Amino acid sequence: MTALKTAIDDEYHALSTYQAVIEKFGTVRPFSMIIGAEEQHIASLKAIFDKYGIEIPANTWDGKAVAPATLQEACQIGVDAEIANADLYRSQLLPAVSEYPDITSVFENLMNASQDKHLPAFERCN
């Protein structure tokens, strides 16, 4: 299912980006807190892959993200990424899985986490 693969790729990308920021700037908030959330998001998606017997894609972003020059830029990247993530779920992914209540529920939870928790945290650090 394309929507699931797109969702997990987006979560892998976010995780890799936030890990790169921590590698460059140390264990700084909100990145240190949001990494745990991204790992939980990935685990939620992997459970859906398993439920439907779909092979879990490899993380092609692992080690490929590059942190920006400043922490302020990293915070802005976080803001932009979380806005884009919520928009992706709202405009593309949720409509694609509307006939699957379980996947819809997971996608809604991930979208809400992006816009209600992660985005405000990145806006505060910017």
PDB file of N, CA and C in Angstrom:
ATOM      1  N   MET A   1       0.841  -1.182   0.000  1.00  0.00           N
ATOM      2  CA  MET A   1       0.000   0.000   0.000  1.00  0.00           C
ATOM      3  C   MET A   1       0.889   1.249   0.000  1.00  0.00           C
ATOM      4  N   THR A   2       0.713   2.075  -0.981  1.00  0.00           N
ATOM      5  CA  THR A   2       1.553   3.254  -1.185  1.00  0.00           C
ATOM      6  C   THR A   2       1.476   4.233  -0.022  1.00  0.00           C
ATOM      7  N   ALA A   3       0.292   4.446   0.523  1.00  0.00           N
ATOM      8  CA  ALA A   3       0.130   5.411   1.617  1.00  0.00           C
ATOM      9  C   ALA A   3       0.959   5.013   2.833  1.00  0.00           C
ATOM     10  N   LEU A   4       0.975   3.730   3.160  1.00  0.00           N
ATOM     11  CA  LEU A   4       1.782   3.271   4.293  1.00  0.00           C
ATOM     12  C   LEU A   4       3.263   3.489   4.035  1.00  0.00           C
ATOM     13  N   LYS A   5       3.699   3.191   2.830  1.00  0.00           N
ATOM     14  CA  LYS A   5       5.115   3.367   2.499  1.00  0.00           C
ATOM     15  C   LYS A   5       5.508   4.839   2.527  1.00  0.00           C
ATOM     16  N   THR A   6       4.637   5.696   2.045  1.00  0.00           N
ATOM     17  CA  THR A   6       4.901   7.134   2.088  1.00  0.00           C
ATOM     18  C   THR A   6       4.968   7.616   3.531  1.00  0.00           C
ATOM     19  N   ALA A   7       4.054   7.136   4.359  1.00  0.00           N
ATOM     20  CA  ALA A   7       4.014   7.546   5.765  1.00  0.00           C
ATOM     21  C   ALA A   7       5.285   7.142   6.496  1.00  0.00           C
ATOM     22  N   ILE A   8       5.711   5.898   6.337  1.00  0.00           N
ATOM     23  CA  ILE A   8       6.892   5.455   7.078  1.00  0.00           C
ATOM     24  C   ILE A   8       8.149   6.136   6.540  1.00  0.00           C
ATOM     25  N   ASP A   9       8.202   6.393   5.244  1.00  0.00           N
ATOM     26  CA  ASP A   9       9.349   7.107   4.688  1.00  0.00           C
ATOM     27  C   ASP A   9       9.435   8.517   5.272  1.00  0.00           C
ATOM     28  N   ASP A  10       8.298   9.179   5.406  1.00  0.00           N
ATOM     29  CA  ASP A  10       8.282  10.521   5.982  1.00  0.00           C
ATOM     30  C   ASP A  10       8.727  10.493   7.445  1.00  0.00           C
ATOM     31  N   GLU A  11       8.301   9.490   8.189  1.00  0.00           N
ATOM     32  CA  GLU A  11       8.717   9.365   9.592  1.00  0.00           C
ATOM     33  C   GLU A  11      10.206   9.025   9.688  1.00  0.00           C
ATOM     34  N   TYR A  12      10.699   8.163   8.806  1.00  0.00           N
ATOM     35  CA  TYR A  12      12.135   7.869   8.767  1.00  0.00           C
ATOM     36  C   TYR A  12      12.936   9.147   8.496  1.00  0.00           C
ATOM     37  N   HIS A  13      12.456   9.952   7.560  1.00  0.00           N
ATOM     38  CA  HIS A  13      13.144  11.194   7.198  1.00  0.00           C
ATOM     39  C   HIS A  13      13.217  12.131   8.404  1.00  0.00           C
ATOM     40  N   ALA A  14      12.097  12.297   9.094  1.00  0.00           N
ATOM     41  CA  ALA A  14      12.076  13.154  10.282  1.00  0.00           C
ATOM     42  C   ALA A  14      13.039  12.633  11.342  1.00  0.00           C
ATOM     43  N   LEU A  15      13.000  11.344  11.615  1.00  0.00           N
ATOM     44  CA  LEU A  15      13.886  10.760  12.619  1.00  0.00           C
ATOM     45  C   LEU A  15      15.345  11.000  12.259  1.00  0.00           C
ATOM     46  N   SER A  16      15.706  10.746  11.030  1.00  0.00           N
ATOM     47  CA  SER A  16      17.087  10.926  10.587  1.00  0.00           C
ATOM     48  C   SER A  16      17.524  12.384  10.707  1.00  0.00           C
ATOM     49  N   THR A  17      16.643  13.299  10.344  1.00  0.00           N
ATOM     50  CA  THR A  17      16.960  14.722  10.430  1.00  0.00           C
ATOM     51  C   THR A  17      17.179  15.135  11.878  1.00  0.00           C
ATOM     52  N   TYR A  18      16.296  14.732  12.761  1.00  0.00           N
ATOM     53  CA  TYR A  18      16.403  15.124  14.162  1.00  0.00           C
ATOM     54  C   TYR A  18      17.615  14.459  14.825  1.00  0.00           C
ATOM     55  N   GLN A  19      17.959  13.246  14.406  1.00  0.00           N
ATOM     56  CA  GLN A  19      19.176  12.602  14.905  1.00  0.00           C
ATOM     57  C   GLN A  19      20.416  13.377  14.471  1.00  0.00           C
ATOM     58  N   ALA A  20      20.429  13.852  13.231  1.00  0.00           N
ATOM     59  CA  ALA A  20      21.568  14.633  12.736  1.00  0.00           C
ATOM     60  C   ALA A  20      21.732  15.918  13.542  1.00  0.00           C
ATOM     61  N   VAL A  21      20.629  16.542  13.905  1.00  0.00           N
ATOM     62  CA  VAL A  21      20.684  17.763  14.720  1.00  0.00           C
ATOM     63  C   VAL A  21      21.300  17.455  16.082  1.00  0.00           C
ATOM     64  N   ILE A  22      20.891  16.365  16.704  1.00  0.00           N
ATOM     65  CA  ILE A  22      21.433  15.999  18.012  1.00  0.00           C
ATOM     66  C   ILE A  22      22.910  15.638  17.910  1.00  0.00           C
ATOM     67  N   GLU A  23      23.295  14.962  16.845  1.00  0.00           N
ATOM     68  CA  GLU A  23      24.710  14.637  16.661  1.00  0.00           C
ATOM     69  C   GLU A  23      25.557  15.901  16.552  1.00  0.00           C
ATOM     70  N   LYS A  24      25.013  16.937  15.945  1.00  0.00           N
ATOM     71  CA  LYS A  24      25.771  18.180  15.753  1.00  0.00           C
ATOM     72  C   LYS A  24      25.724  19.094  16.977  1.00  0.00           C
ATOM     73  N   PHE A  25      24.552  19.229  17.603  1.00  0.00           N
ATOM     74  CA  PHE A  25      24.371  20.225  18.658  1.00  0.00           C
ATOM     75  C   PHE A  25      24.247  19.640  20.066  1.00  0.00           C
ATOM     76  N   GLY A  26      24.259  18.321  20.174  1.00  0.00           N
ATOM     77  CA  GLY A  26      24.100  17.690  21.479  1.00  0.00           C
ATOM     78  C   GLY A  26      22.632  17.398  21.773  1.00  0.00           C
ATOM     79  N   THR A  27      22.385  16.921  22.971  1.00  0.00           N
ATOM     80  CA  THR A  27      21.040  16.524  23.367  1.00  0.00           C
ATOM     81  C   THR A  27      20.228  17.769  23.719  1.00  0.00           C
ATOM     82  N   VAL A  28      19.683  18.399  22.699  1.00  0.00           N
ATOM     83  CA  VAL A  28      18.938  19.648  22.873  1.00  0.00           C
ATOM     84  C   VAL A  28      17.449  19.405  22.655  1.00  0.00           C
ATOM     85  N   ARG A  29      16.660  20.133  23.430  1.00  0.00           N
ATOM     86  CA  ARG A  29      15.214  20.089  23.258  1.00  0.00           C
ATOM     87  C   ARG A  29      14.817  21.055  22.165  1.00  0.00           C
ATOM     88  N   PRO A  30      13.784  20.791  21.446  1.00  0.00           N
ATOM     89  CA  PRO A  30      12.842  19.681  21.573  1.00  0.00           C
ATOM     90  C   PRO A  30      13.270  18.424  20.817  1.00  0.00           C
ATOM     91  N   PHE A  31      14.412  18.495  20.125  1.00  0.00           N
ATOM     92  CA  PHE A  31      14.831  17.364  19.284  1.00  0.00           C
ATOM     93  C   PHE A  31      14.983  16.080  20.088  1.00  0.00           C
ATOM     94  N   SER A  32      15.578  16.191  21.280  1.00  0.00           N
ATOM     95  CA  SER A  32      15.801  14.997  22.092  1.00  0.00           C
ATOM     96  C   SER A  32      14.486  14.338  22.509  1.00  0.00           C
ATOM     97  N   MET A  33      13.454  15.134  22.714  1.00  0.00           N
ATOM     98  CA  MET A  33      12.154  14.587  23.099  1.00  0.00           C
ATOM     99  C   MET A  33      11.390  14.044  21.884  1.00  0.00           C
ATOM    100  N   ILE A  34      11.489  14.740  20.786  1.00  0.00           N
ATOM    101  CA  ILE A  34      10.702  14.369  19.606  1.00  0.00           C
ATOM    102  C   ILE A  34      11.262  13.123  18.928  1.00  0.00           C
ATOM    103  N   ILE A  35      12.550  12.854  19.097  1.00  0.00           N
ATOM    104  CA  ILE A  35      13.118  11.618  18.534  1.00  0.00           C
ATOM    105  C   ILE A  35      12.372  10.397  19.077  1.00  0.00           C
ATOM    106  N   GLY A  36      12.109  10.394  20.367  1.00  0.00           N
ATOM    107  CA  GLY A  36      11.360   9.282  20.955  1.00  0.00           C
ATOM    108  C   GLY A  36       9.975   9.143  20.350  1.00  0.00           C
ATOM    109  N   ALA A  37       9.340  10.275  20.099  1.00  0.00           N
ATOM    110  CA  ALA A  37       8.014  10.250  19.479  1.00  0.00           C
ATOM    111  C   ALA A  37       8.088   9.710  18.055  1.00  0.00           C
ATOM    112  N   GLU A  38       9.101  10.128  17.308  1.00  0.00           N
ATOM    113  CA  GLU A  38       9.253   9.627  15.932  1.00  0.00           C
ATOM    114  C   GLU A  38       9.466   8.119  15.935  1.00  0.00           C
ATOM    115  N   GLU A  39      10.233   7.623  16.897  1.00  0.00           N
ATOM    116  CA  GLU A  39      10.440   6.175  16.998  1.00  0.00           C
ATOM    117  C   GLU A  39       9.119   5.460  17.294  1.00  0.00           C
ATOM    118  N   GLN A  40       8.281   6.079  18.131  1.00  0.00           N
ATOM    119  CA  GLN A  40       6.962   5.501  18.412  1.00  0.00           C
ATOM    120  C   GLN A  40       6.073   5.536  17.170  1.00  0.00           C
ATOM    121  N   HIS A  41       6.164   6.622  16.402  1.00  0.00           N
ATOM    122  CA  HIS A  41       5.379   6.714  15.164  1.00  0.00           C
ATOM    123  C   HIS A  41       5.761   5.581  14.214  1.00  0.00           C
ATOM    124  N   ILE A  42       7.057   5.370  14.074  1.00  0.00           N
ATOM    125  CA  ILE A  42       7.550   4.308  13.193  1.00  0.00           C
ATOM    126  C   ILE A  42       7.065   2.944  13.690  1.00  0.00           C
ATOM    127  N   ALA A  43       7.113   2.733  15.000  1.00  0.00           N
ATOM    128  CA  ALA A  43       6.639   1.463  15.565  1.00  0.00           C
ATOM    129  C   ALA A  43       5.147   1.263  15.290  1.00  0.00           C
ATOM    130  N   SER A  44       4.359   2.327  15.383  1.00  0.00           N
ATOM    131  CA  SER A  44       2.920   2.236  15.088  1.00  0.00           C
ATOM    132  C   SER A  44       2.685   1.838  13.638  1.00  0.00           C
ATOM    133  N   LEU A  45       3.457   2.436  12.751  1.00  0.00           N
ATOM    134  CA  LEU A  45       3.320   2.101  11.332  1.00  0.00           C
ATOM    135  C   LEU A  45       3.792   0.679  11.050  1.00  0.00           C
ATOM    136  N   LYS A  46       4.891   0.264  11.686  1.00  0.00           N
ATOM    137  CA  LYS A  46       5.382  -1.100  11.487  1.00  0.00           C
ATOM    138  C   LYS A  46       4.338  -2.126  11.929  1.00  0.00           C
ATOM    139  N   ALA A  47       3.606  -1.822  12.983  1.00  0.00           N
ATOM    140  CA  ALA A  47       2.554  -2.737  13.444  1.00  0.00           C
ATOM    141  C   ALA A  47       1.471  -2.899  12.378  1.00  0.00           C
ATOM    142  N   ILE A  48       1.152  -1.835  11.675  1.00  0.00           N
ATOM    143  CA  ILE A  48       0.159  -1.916  10.592  1.00  0.00           C
ATOM    144  C   ILE A  48       0.717  -2.733   9.420  1.00  0.00           C
ATOM    145  N   PHE A  49       1.984  -2.497   9.080  1.00  0.00           N
ATOM    146  CA  PHE A  49       2.614  -3.304   8.023  1.00  0.00           C
ATOM    147  C   PHE A  49       2.505  -4.784   8.380  1.00  0.00           C
ATOM    148  N   ASP A  50       2.854  -5.111   9.636  1.00  0.00           N
ATOM    149  CA  ASP A  50       2.799  -6.504  10.083  1.00  0.00           C
ATOM    150  C   ASP A  50       1.378  -7.060  10.016  1.00  0.00           C
ATOM    151  N   LYS A  51       0.414  -6.277  10.462  1.00  0.00           N
ATOM    152  CA  LYS A  51      -0.983  -6.727  10.478  1.00  0.00           C
ATOM    153  C   LYS A  51      -1.454  -7.121   9.084  1.00  0.00           C
ATOM    154  N   TYR A  52      -1.034  -6.366   8.087  1.00  0.00           N
ATOM    155  CA  TYR A  52      -1.484  -6.617   6.716  1.00  0.00           C
ATOM    156  C   TYR A  52      -0.494  -7.466   5.906  1.00  0.00           C
ATOM    157  N   GLY A  53       0.552  -7.953   6.577  1.00  0.00           N
ATOM    158  CA  GLY A  53       1.514  -8.810   5.899  1.00  0.00           C
ATOM    159  C   GLY A  53       2.305  -8.107   4.812  1.00  0.00           C
ATOM    160  N   ILE A  54       2.538  -6.821   5.002  1.00  0.00           N
ATOM    161  CA  ILE A  54       3.288  -6.025   4.027  1.00  0.00           C
ATOM    162  C   ILE A  54       4.724  -5.882   4.526  1.00  0.00           C
ATOM    163  N   GLU A  55       5.661  -6.077   3.634  1.00  0.00           N
ATOM    164  CA  GLU A  55       7.070  -5.946   4.004  1.00  0.00           C
ATOM    165  C   GLU A  55       7.369  -4.512   4.434  1.00  0.00           C
ATOM    166  N   ILE A  56       8.074  -4.385   5.559  1.00  0.00           N
ATOM    167  CA  ILE A  56       8.432  -3.067   6.082  1.00  0.00           C
ATOM    168  C   ILE A  56       9.620  -2.534   5.289  1.00  0.00           C
ATOM    169  N   PRO A  57       9.471  -1.358   4.689  1.00  0.00           N
ATOM    170  CA  PRO A  57      10.582  -0.796   3.911  1.00  0.00           C
ATOM    171  C   PRO A  57      11.769  -0.447   4.812  1.00  0.00           C
ATOM    172  N   ALA A  58      12.952  -0.560   4.252  1.00  0.00           N
ATOM    173  CA  ALA A  58      14.158  -0.157   4.974  1.00  0.00           C
ATOM    174  C   ALA A  58      14.181   1.361   5.108  1.00  0.00           C
ATOM    175  N   ASN A  59      14.884   1.819   6.125  1.00  0.00           N
ATOM    176  CA  ASN A  59      15.055   3.256   6.318  1.00  0.00           C
ATOM    177  C   ASN A  59      16.169   3.744   5.398  1.00  0.00           C
ATOM    178  N   THR A  60      15.798   4.298   4.274  1.00  0.00           N
ATOM    179  CA  THR A  60      16.796   4.787   3.314  1.00  0.00           C
ATOM    180  C   THR A  60      17.365   6.142   3.727  1.00  0.00           C
ATOM    181  N   TRP A  61      16.820   6.740   4.768  1.00  0.00           N
ATOM    182  CA  TRP A  61      17.314   8.032   5.267  1.00  0.00           C
ATOM    183  C   TRP A  61      18.391   7.862   6.329  1.00  0.00           C
ATOM    184  N   ASP A  62      18.575   6.658   6.844  1.00  0.00           N
ATOM    185  CA  ASP A  62      19.485   6.430   7.964  1.00  0.00           C
ATOM    186  C   ASP A  62      20.879   6.963   7.657  1.00  0.00           C
ATOM    187  N   GLY A  63      21.319   7.941   8.454  1.00  0.00           N
ATOM    188  CA  GLY A  63      22.653   8.509   8.297  1.00  0.00           C
ATOM    189  C   GLY A  63      22.813   9.468   7.138  1.00  0.00           C
ATOM    190  N   LYS A  64      21.750   9.784   6.431  1.00  0.00           N
ATOM    191  CA  LYS A  64      21.868  10.638   5.242  1.00  0.00           C
ATOM    192  C   LYS A  64      21.484  12.093   5.487  1.00  0.00           C
ATOM    193  N   ALA A  65      20.764  12.361   6.554  1.00  0.00           N
ATOM    194  CA  ALA A  65      20.351  13.743   6.825  1.00  0.00           C
ATOM    195  C   ALA A  65      21.547  14.546   7.321  1.00  0.00           C
ATOM    196  N   VAL A  66      21.556  15.815   6.965  1.00  0.00           N
ATOM    197  CA  VAL A  66      22.631  16.721   7.379  1.00  0.00           C
ATOM    198  C   VAL A  66      22.013  17.840   8.202  1.00  0.00           C
ATOM    199  N   ALA A  67      22.598  18.098   9.354  1.00  0.00           N
ATOM    200  CA  ALA A  67      22.100  19.177  10.204  1.00  0.00           C
ATOM    201  C   ALA A  67      22.486  20.524   9.607  1.00  0.00           C
ATOM    202  N   PRO A  68      21.647  21.524   9.786  1.00  0.00           N
ATOM    203  CA  PRO A  68      21.975  22.867   9.297  1.00  0.00           C
ATOM    204  C   PRO A  68      23.079  23.502  10.145  1.00  0.00           C
ATOM    205  N   ALA A  69      23.483  24.693   9.757  1.00  0.00           N
ATOM    206  CA  ALA A  69      24.602  25.369  10.418  1.00  0.00           C
ATOM    207  C   ALA A  69      24.282  25.814  11.843  1.00  0.00           C
ATOM    208  N   THR A  70      23.037  26.192  12.097  1.00  0.00           N
ATOM    209  CA  THR A  70      22.687  26.712  13.421  1.00  0.00           C
ATOM    210  C   THR A  70      21.493  25.970  14.000  1.00  0.00           C
ATOM    211  N   LEU A  71      21.389  26.057  15.317  1.00  0.00           N
ATOM    212  CA  LEU A  71      20.250  25.443  15.988  1.00  0.00           C
ATOM    213  C   LEU A  71      18.959  26.161  15.605  1.00  0.00           C
ATOM    214  N   GLN A  72      19.017  27.462  15.411  1.00  0.00           N
ATOM    215  CA  GLN A  72      17.831  28.211  14.991  1.00  0.00           C
ATOM    216  C   GLN A  72      17.326  27.701  13.636  1.00  0.00           C
ATOM    217  N   GLU A  73      18.254  27.446  12.712  1.00  0.00           N
ATOM    218  CA  GLU A  73      17.855  26.880  11.414  1.00  0.00           C
ATOM    219  C   GLU A  73      17.241  25.495  11.597  1.00  0.00           C
ATOM    220  N   ALA A  74      17.806  24.716  12.513  1.00  0.00           N
ATOM    221  CA  ALA A  74      17.274  23.376  12.780  1.00  0.00           C
ATOM    222  C   ALA A  74      15.841  23.461  13.305  1.00  0.00           C
ATOM    223  N   CYS A  75      15.588  24.433  14.170  1.00  0.00           N
ATOM    224  CA  CYS A  75      14.228  24.616  14.687  1.00  0.00           C
ATOM    225  C   CYS A  75      13.267  24.982  13.567  1.00  0.00           C
ATOM    226  N   GLN A  76      13.707  25.849  12.657  1.00  0.00           N
ATOM    227  CA  GLN A  76      12.843  26.227  11.537  1.00  0.00           C
ATOM    228  C   GLN A  76      12.591  25.038  10.615  1.00  0.00           C
ATOM    229  N   ILE A  77      13.606  24.211  10.419  1.00  0.00           N
ATOM    230  CA  ILE A  77      13.422  22.987   9.634  1.00  0.00           C
ATOM    231  C   ILE A  77      12.381  22.095  10.312  1.00  0.00           C
ATOM    232  N   GLY A  78      12.444  22.016  11.642  1.00  0.00           N
ATOM    233  CA  GLY A  78      11.451  21.244  12.382  1.00  0.00           C
ATOM    234  C   GLY A  78      10.045  21.786  12.182  1.00  0.00           C
ATOM    235  N   VAL A  79       9.901  23.119  12.250  1.00  0.00           N
ATOM    236  CA  VAL A  79       8.598  23.752  12.014  1.00  0.00           C
ATOM    237  C   VAL A  79       8.089  23.379  10.626  1.00  0.00           C
ATOM    238  N   ASP A  80       8.932  23.592   9.630  1.00  0.00           N
ATOM    239  CA  ASP A  80       8.535  23.318   8.244  1.00  0.00           C
ATOM    240  C   ASP A  80       8.192  21.844   8.036  1.00  0.00           C
ATOM    241  N   ALA A  81       8.994  20.962   8.629  1.00  0.00           N
ATOM    242  CA  ALA A  81       8.774  19.520   8.463  1.00  0.00           C
ATOM    243  C   ALA A  81       7.462  19.073   9.101  1.00  0.00           C
ATOM    244  N   GLU A  82       7.157  19.598  10.270  1.00  0.00           N
ATOM    245  CA  GLU A  82       5.924  19.184  10.947  1.00  0.00           C
ATOM    246  C   GLU A  82       4.682  19.731  10.243  1.00  0.00           C
ATOM    247  N   ILE A  83       4.773  20.943   9.696  1.00  0.00           N
ATOM    248  CA  ILE A  83       3.659  21.480   8.903  1.00  0.00           C
ATOM    249  C   ILE A  83       3.448  20.608   7.667  1.00  0.00           C
ATOM    250  N   ALA A  84       4.546  20.288   6.984  1.00  0.00           N
ATOM    251  CA  ALA A  84       4.456  19.454   5.779  1.00  0.00           C
ATOM    252  C   ALA A  84       3.923  18.064   6.114  1.00  0.00           C
ATOM    253  N   ASN A  85       4.343  17.514   7.259  1.00  0.00           N
ATOM    254  CA  ASN A  85       3.895  16.191   7.671  1.00  0.00           C
ATOM    255  C   ASN A  85       2.388  16.171   7.894  1.00  0.00           C
ATOM    256  N   ALA A  86       1.885  17.138   8.634  1.00  0.00           N
ATOM    257  CA  ALA A  86       0.440  17.196   8.886  1.00  0.00           C
ATOM    258  C   ALA A  86      -0.330  17.388   7.579  1.00  0.00           C
ATOM    259  N   ASP A  87       0.193  18.229   6.705  1.00  0.00           N
ATOM    260  CA  ASP A  87      -0.454  18.442   5.405  1.00  0.00           C
ATOM    261  C   ASP A  87      -0.458  17.170   4.563  1.00  0.00           C
ATOM    262  N   LEU A  88       0.644  16.425   4.600  1.00  0.00           N
ATOM    263  CA  LEU A  88       0.734  15.166   3.861  1.00  0.00           C
ATOM    264  C   LEU A  88      -0.350  14.192   4.322  1.00  0.00           C
ATOM    265  N   TYR A  89      -0.472  14.038   5.640  1.00  0.00           N
ATOM    266  CA  TYR A  89      -1.507  13.140   6.157  1.00  0.00           C
ATOM    267  C   TYR A  89      -2.896  13.623   5.755  1.00  0.00           C
ATOM    268  N   ARG A  90      -3.161  14.903   5.940  1.00  0.00           N
ATOM    269  CA  ARG A  90      -4.490  15.462   5.688  1.00  0.00           C
ATOM    270  C   ARG A  90      -4.879  15.375   4.214  1.00  0.00           C
ATOM    271  N   SER A  91      -3.972  15.769   3.337  1.00  0.00           N
ATOM    272  CA  SER A  91      -4.345  15.911   1.925  1.00  0.00           C
ATOM    273  C   SER A  91      -4.161  14.646   1.090  1.00  0.00           C
ATOM    274  N   GLN A  92      -3.224  13.788   1.470  1.00  0.00           N
ATOM    275  CA  GLN A  92      -2.936  12.624   0.636  1.00  0.00           C
ATOM    276  C   GLN A  92      -3.154  11.282   1.331  1.00  0.00           C
ATOM    277  N   LEU A  93      -2.583  11.134   2.510  1.00  0.00           N
ATOM    278  CA  LEU A  93      -2.560   9.807   3.117  1.00  0.00           C
ATOM    279  C   LEU A  93      -3.906   9.393   3.710  1.00  0.00           C
ATOM    280  N   LEU A  94      -4.545  10.274   4.463  1.00  0.00           N
ATOM    281  CA  LEU A  94      -5.848   9.911   5.035  1.00  0.00           C
ATOM    282  C   LEU A  94      -6.892   9.606   3.964  1.00  0.00           C
ATOM    283  N   PRO A  95      -7.008  10.409   2.912  1.00  0.00           N
ATOM    284  CA  PRO A  95      -7.973  10.052   1.865  1.00  0.00           C
ATOM    285  C   PRO A  95      -7.684   8.686   1.226  1.00  0.00           C
ATOM    286  N   ALA A  96      -6.420   8.315   1.153  1.00  0.00           N
ATOM    287  CA  ALA A  96      -6.047   7.055   0.504  1.00  0.00           C
ATOM    288  C   ALA A  96      -6.410   5.825   1.331  1.00  0.00           C
ATOM    289  N   VAL A  97      -6.602   6.001   2.645  1.00  0.00           N
ATOM    290  CA  VAL A  97      -6.887   4.845   3.507  1.00  0.00           C
ATOM    291  C   VAL A  97      -8.262   4.942   4.163  1.00  0.00           C
ATOM    292  N   SER A  98      -9.141   5.728   3.601  1.00  0.00           N
ATOM    293  CA  SER A  98     -10.450   5.978   4.225  1.00  0.00           C
ATOM    294  C   SER A  98     -11.269   4.706   4.444  1.00  0.00           C
ATOM    295  N   GLU A  99     -10.992   3.652   3.701  1.00  0.00           N
ATOM    296  CA  GLU A  99     -11.731   2.397   3.854  1.00  0.00           C
ATOM    297  C   GLU A  99     -11.107   1.468   4.895  1.00  0.00           C
ATOM    298  N   TYR A 100     -10.045   1.920   5.550  1.00  0.00           N
ATOM    299  CA  TYR A 100      -9.343   1.124   6.556  1.00  0.00           C
ATOM    300  C   TYR A 100      -9.362   1.885   7.884  1.00  0.00           C
ATOM    301  N   PRO A 101     -10.350   1.621   8.741  1.00  0.00           N
ATOM    302  CA  PRO A 101     -10.469   2.383   9.988  1.00  0.00           C
ATOM    303  C   PRO A 101      -9.233   2.302  10.889  1.00  0.00           C
ATOM    304  N   ASP A 102      -8.581   1.144  10.912  1.00  0.00           N
ATOM    305  CA  ASP A 102      -7.403   1.001  11.767  1.00  0.00           C
ATOM    306  C   ASP A 102      -6.245   1.869  11.272  1.00  0.00           C
ATOM    307  N   ILE A 103      -6.025   1.892   9.976  1.00  0.00           N
ATOM    308  CA  ILE A 103      -4.951   2.713   9.413  1.00  0.00           C
ATOM    309  C   ILE A 103      -5.318   4.189   9.545  1.00  0.00           C
ATOM    310  N   THR A 104      -6.579   4.506   9.321  1.00  0.00           N
ATOM    311  CA  THR A 104      -7.043   5.887   9.479  1.00  0.00           C
ATOM    312  C   THR A 104      -6.765   6.376  10.893  1.00  0.00           C
ATOM    313  N   SER A 105      -7.035   5.549  11.879  1.00  0.00           N
ATOM    314  CA  SER A 105      -6.806   5.925  13.275  1.00  0.00           C
ATOM    315  C   SER A 105      -5.328   6.210  13.543  1.00  0.00           C
ATOM    316  N   VAL A 106      -4.457   5.337  13.057  1.00  0.00           N
ATOM    317  CA  VAL A 106      -3.017   5.549  13.234  1.00  0.00           C
ATOM    318  C   VAL A 106      -2.583   6.828  12.528  1.00  0.00           C
ATOM    319  N   PHE A 107      -3.012   7.008  11.304  1.00  0.00           N
ATOM    320  CA  PHE A 107      -2.637   8.213  10.547  1.00  0.00           C
ATOM    321  C   PHE A 107      -3.140   9.482  11.238  1.00  0.00           C
ATOM    322  N   GLU A 108      -4.367   9.446  11.754  1.00  0.00           N
ATOM    323  CA  GLU A 108      -4.891  10.619  12.459  1.00  0.00           C
ATOM    324  C   GLU A 108      -4.069  10.921  13.705  1.00  0.00           C
ATOM    325  N   ASN A 109      -3.684   9.878  14.441  1.00  0.00           N
ATOM    326  CA  ASN A 109      -2.849  10.075  15.628  1.00  0.00           C
ATOM    327  C   ASN A 109      -1.506  10.697  15.261  1.00  0.00           C
ATOM    328  N   LEU A 110      -0.905  10.232  14.178  1.00  0.00           N
ATOM    329  CA  LEU A 110       0.390  10.770  13.760  1.00  0.00           C
ATOM    330  C   LEU A 110       0.251  12.213  13.284  1.00  0.00           C
ATOM    331  N   MET A 111      -0.790  12.502  12.531  1.00  0.00           N
ATOM    332  CA  MET A 111      -1.033  13.867  12.065  1.00  0.00           C
ATOM    333  C   MET A 111      -1.257  14.804  13.253  1.00  0.00           C
ATOM    334  N   ASN A 112      -2.061  14.358  14.203  1.00  0.00           N
ATOM    335  CA  ASN A 112      -2.339  15.190  15.371  1.00  0.00           C
ATOM    336  C   ASN A 112      -1.091  15.429  16.206  1.00  0.00           C
ATOM    337  N   ALA A 113      -0.246  14.425  16.329  1.00  0.00           N
ATOM    338  CA  ALA A 113       1.003  14.616  17.068  1.00  0.00           C
ATOM    339  C   ALA A 113       1.866  15.672  16.389  1.00  0.00           C
ATOM    340  N   SER A 114       1.927  15.634  15.069  1.00  0.00           N
ATOM    341  CA  SER A 114       2.721  16.624  14.338  1.00  0.00           C
ATOM    342  C   SER A 114       2.206  18.035  14.560  1.00  0.00           C
ATOM    343  N   GLN A 115       0.909  18.222  14.395  1.00  0.00           N
ATOM    344  CA  GLN A 115       0.390  19.593  14.450  1.00  0.00           C
ATOM    345  C   GLN A 115       0.121  20.081  15.869  1.00  0.00           C
ATOM    346  N   ASP A 116      -0.191  19.183  16.802  1.00  0.00           N
ATOM    347  CA  ASP A 116      -0.572  19.616  18.145  1.00  0.00           C
ATOM    348  C   ASP A 116       0.563  19.564  19.162  1.00  0.00           C
ATOM    349  N   LYS A 117       1.584  18.752  18.906  1.00  0.00           N
ATOM    350  CA  LYS A 117       2.677  18.597  19.874  1.00  0.00           C
ATOM    351  C   LYS A 117       4.024  19.012  19.292  1.00  0.00           C
ATOM    352  N   HIS A 118       4.401  18.410  18.182  1.00  0.00           N
ATOM    353  CA  HIS A 118       5.734  18.678  17.635  1.00  0.00           C
ATOM    354  C   HIS A 118       5.855  20.099  17.097  1.00  0.00           C
ATOM    355  N   LEU A 119       4.882  20.537  16.321  1.00  0.00           N
ATOM    356  CA  LEU A 119       4.935  21.879  15.743  1.00  0.00           C
ATOM    357  C   LEU A 119       5.064  22.953  16.822  1.00  0.00           C
ATOM    358  N   PRO A 120       4.223  22.960  17.862  1.00  0.00           N
ATOM    359  CA  PRO A 120       4.392  23.989  18.896  1.00  0.00           C
ATOM    360  C   PRO A 120       5.759  23.930  19.585  1.00  0.00           C
ATOM    361  N   ALA A 121       6.294  22.731  19.776  1.00  0.00           N
ATOM    362  CA  ALA A 121       7.617  22.606  20.401  1.00  0.00           C
ATOM    363  C   ALA A 121       8.689  23.241  19.528  1.00  0.00           C
ATOM    364  N   PHE A 122       8.628  23.001  18.233  1.00  0.00           N
ATOM    365  CA  PHE A 122       9.608  23.610  17.330  1.00  0.00           C
ATOM    366  C   PHE A 122       9.397  25.116  17.210  1.00  0.00           C
ATOM    367  N   GLU A 123       8.161  25.563  17.261  1.00  0.00           N
ATOM    368  CA  GLU A 123       7.901  27.006  17.207  1.00  0.00           C
ATOM    369  C   GLU A 123       8.474  27.705  18.436  1.00  0.00           C
ATOM    370  N   ARG A 124       8.427  27.057  19.590  1.00  0.00           N
ATOM    371  CA  ARG A 124       8.996  27.642  20.811  1.00  0.00           C
ATOM    372  C   ARG A 124      10.511  27.717  20.757  1.00  0.00           C
ATOM    373  N   CYS A 125      11.143  26.774  20.083  1.00  0.00           N
ATOM    374  CA  CYS A 125      12.613  26.768  20.058  1.00  0.00           C
ATOM    375  C   CYS A 125      13.164  27.672  18.975  1.00  0.00           C
ATOM    376  N   ASN A 126      12.322  28.126  18.078  1.00  0.00           N
ATOM    377  CA  ASN A 126      12.759  28.941  16.936  1.00  0.00           C
ATOM    378  C   ASN A 126      13.061  30.368  17.346  1.00  0.00           C
TER     379      ASN A 126
END
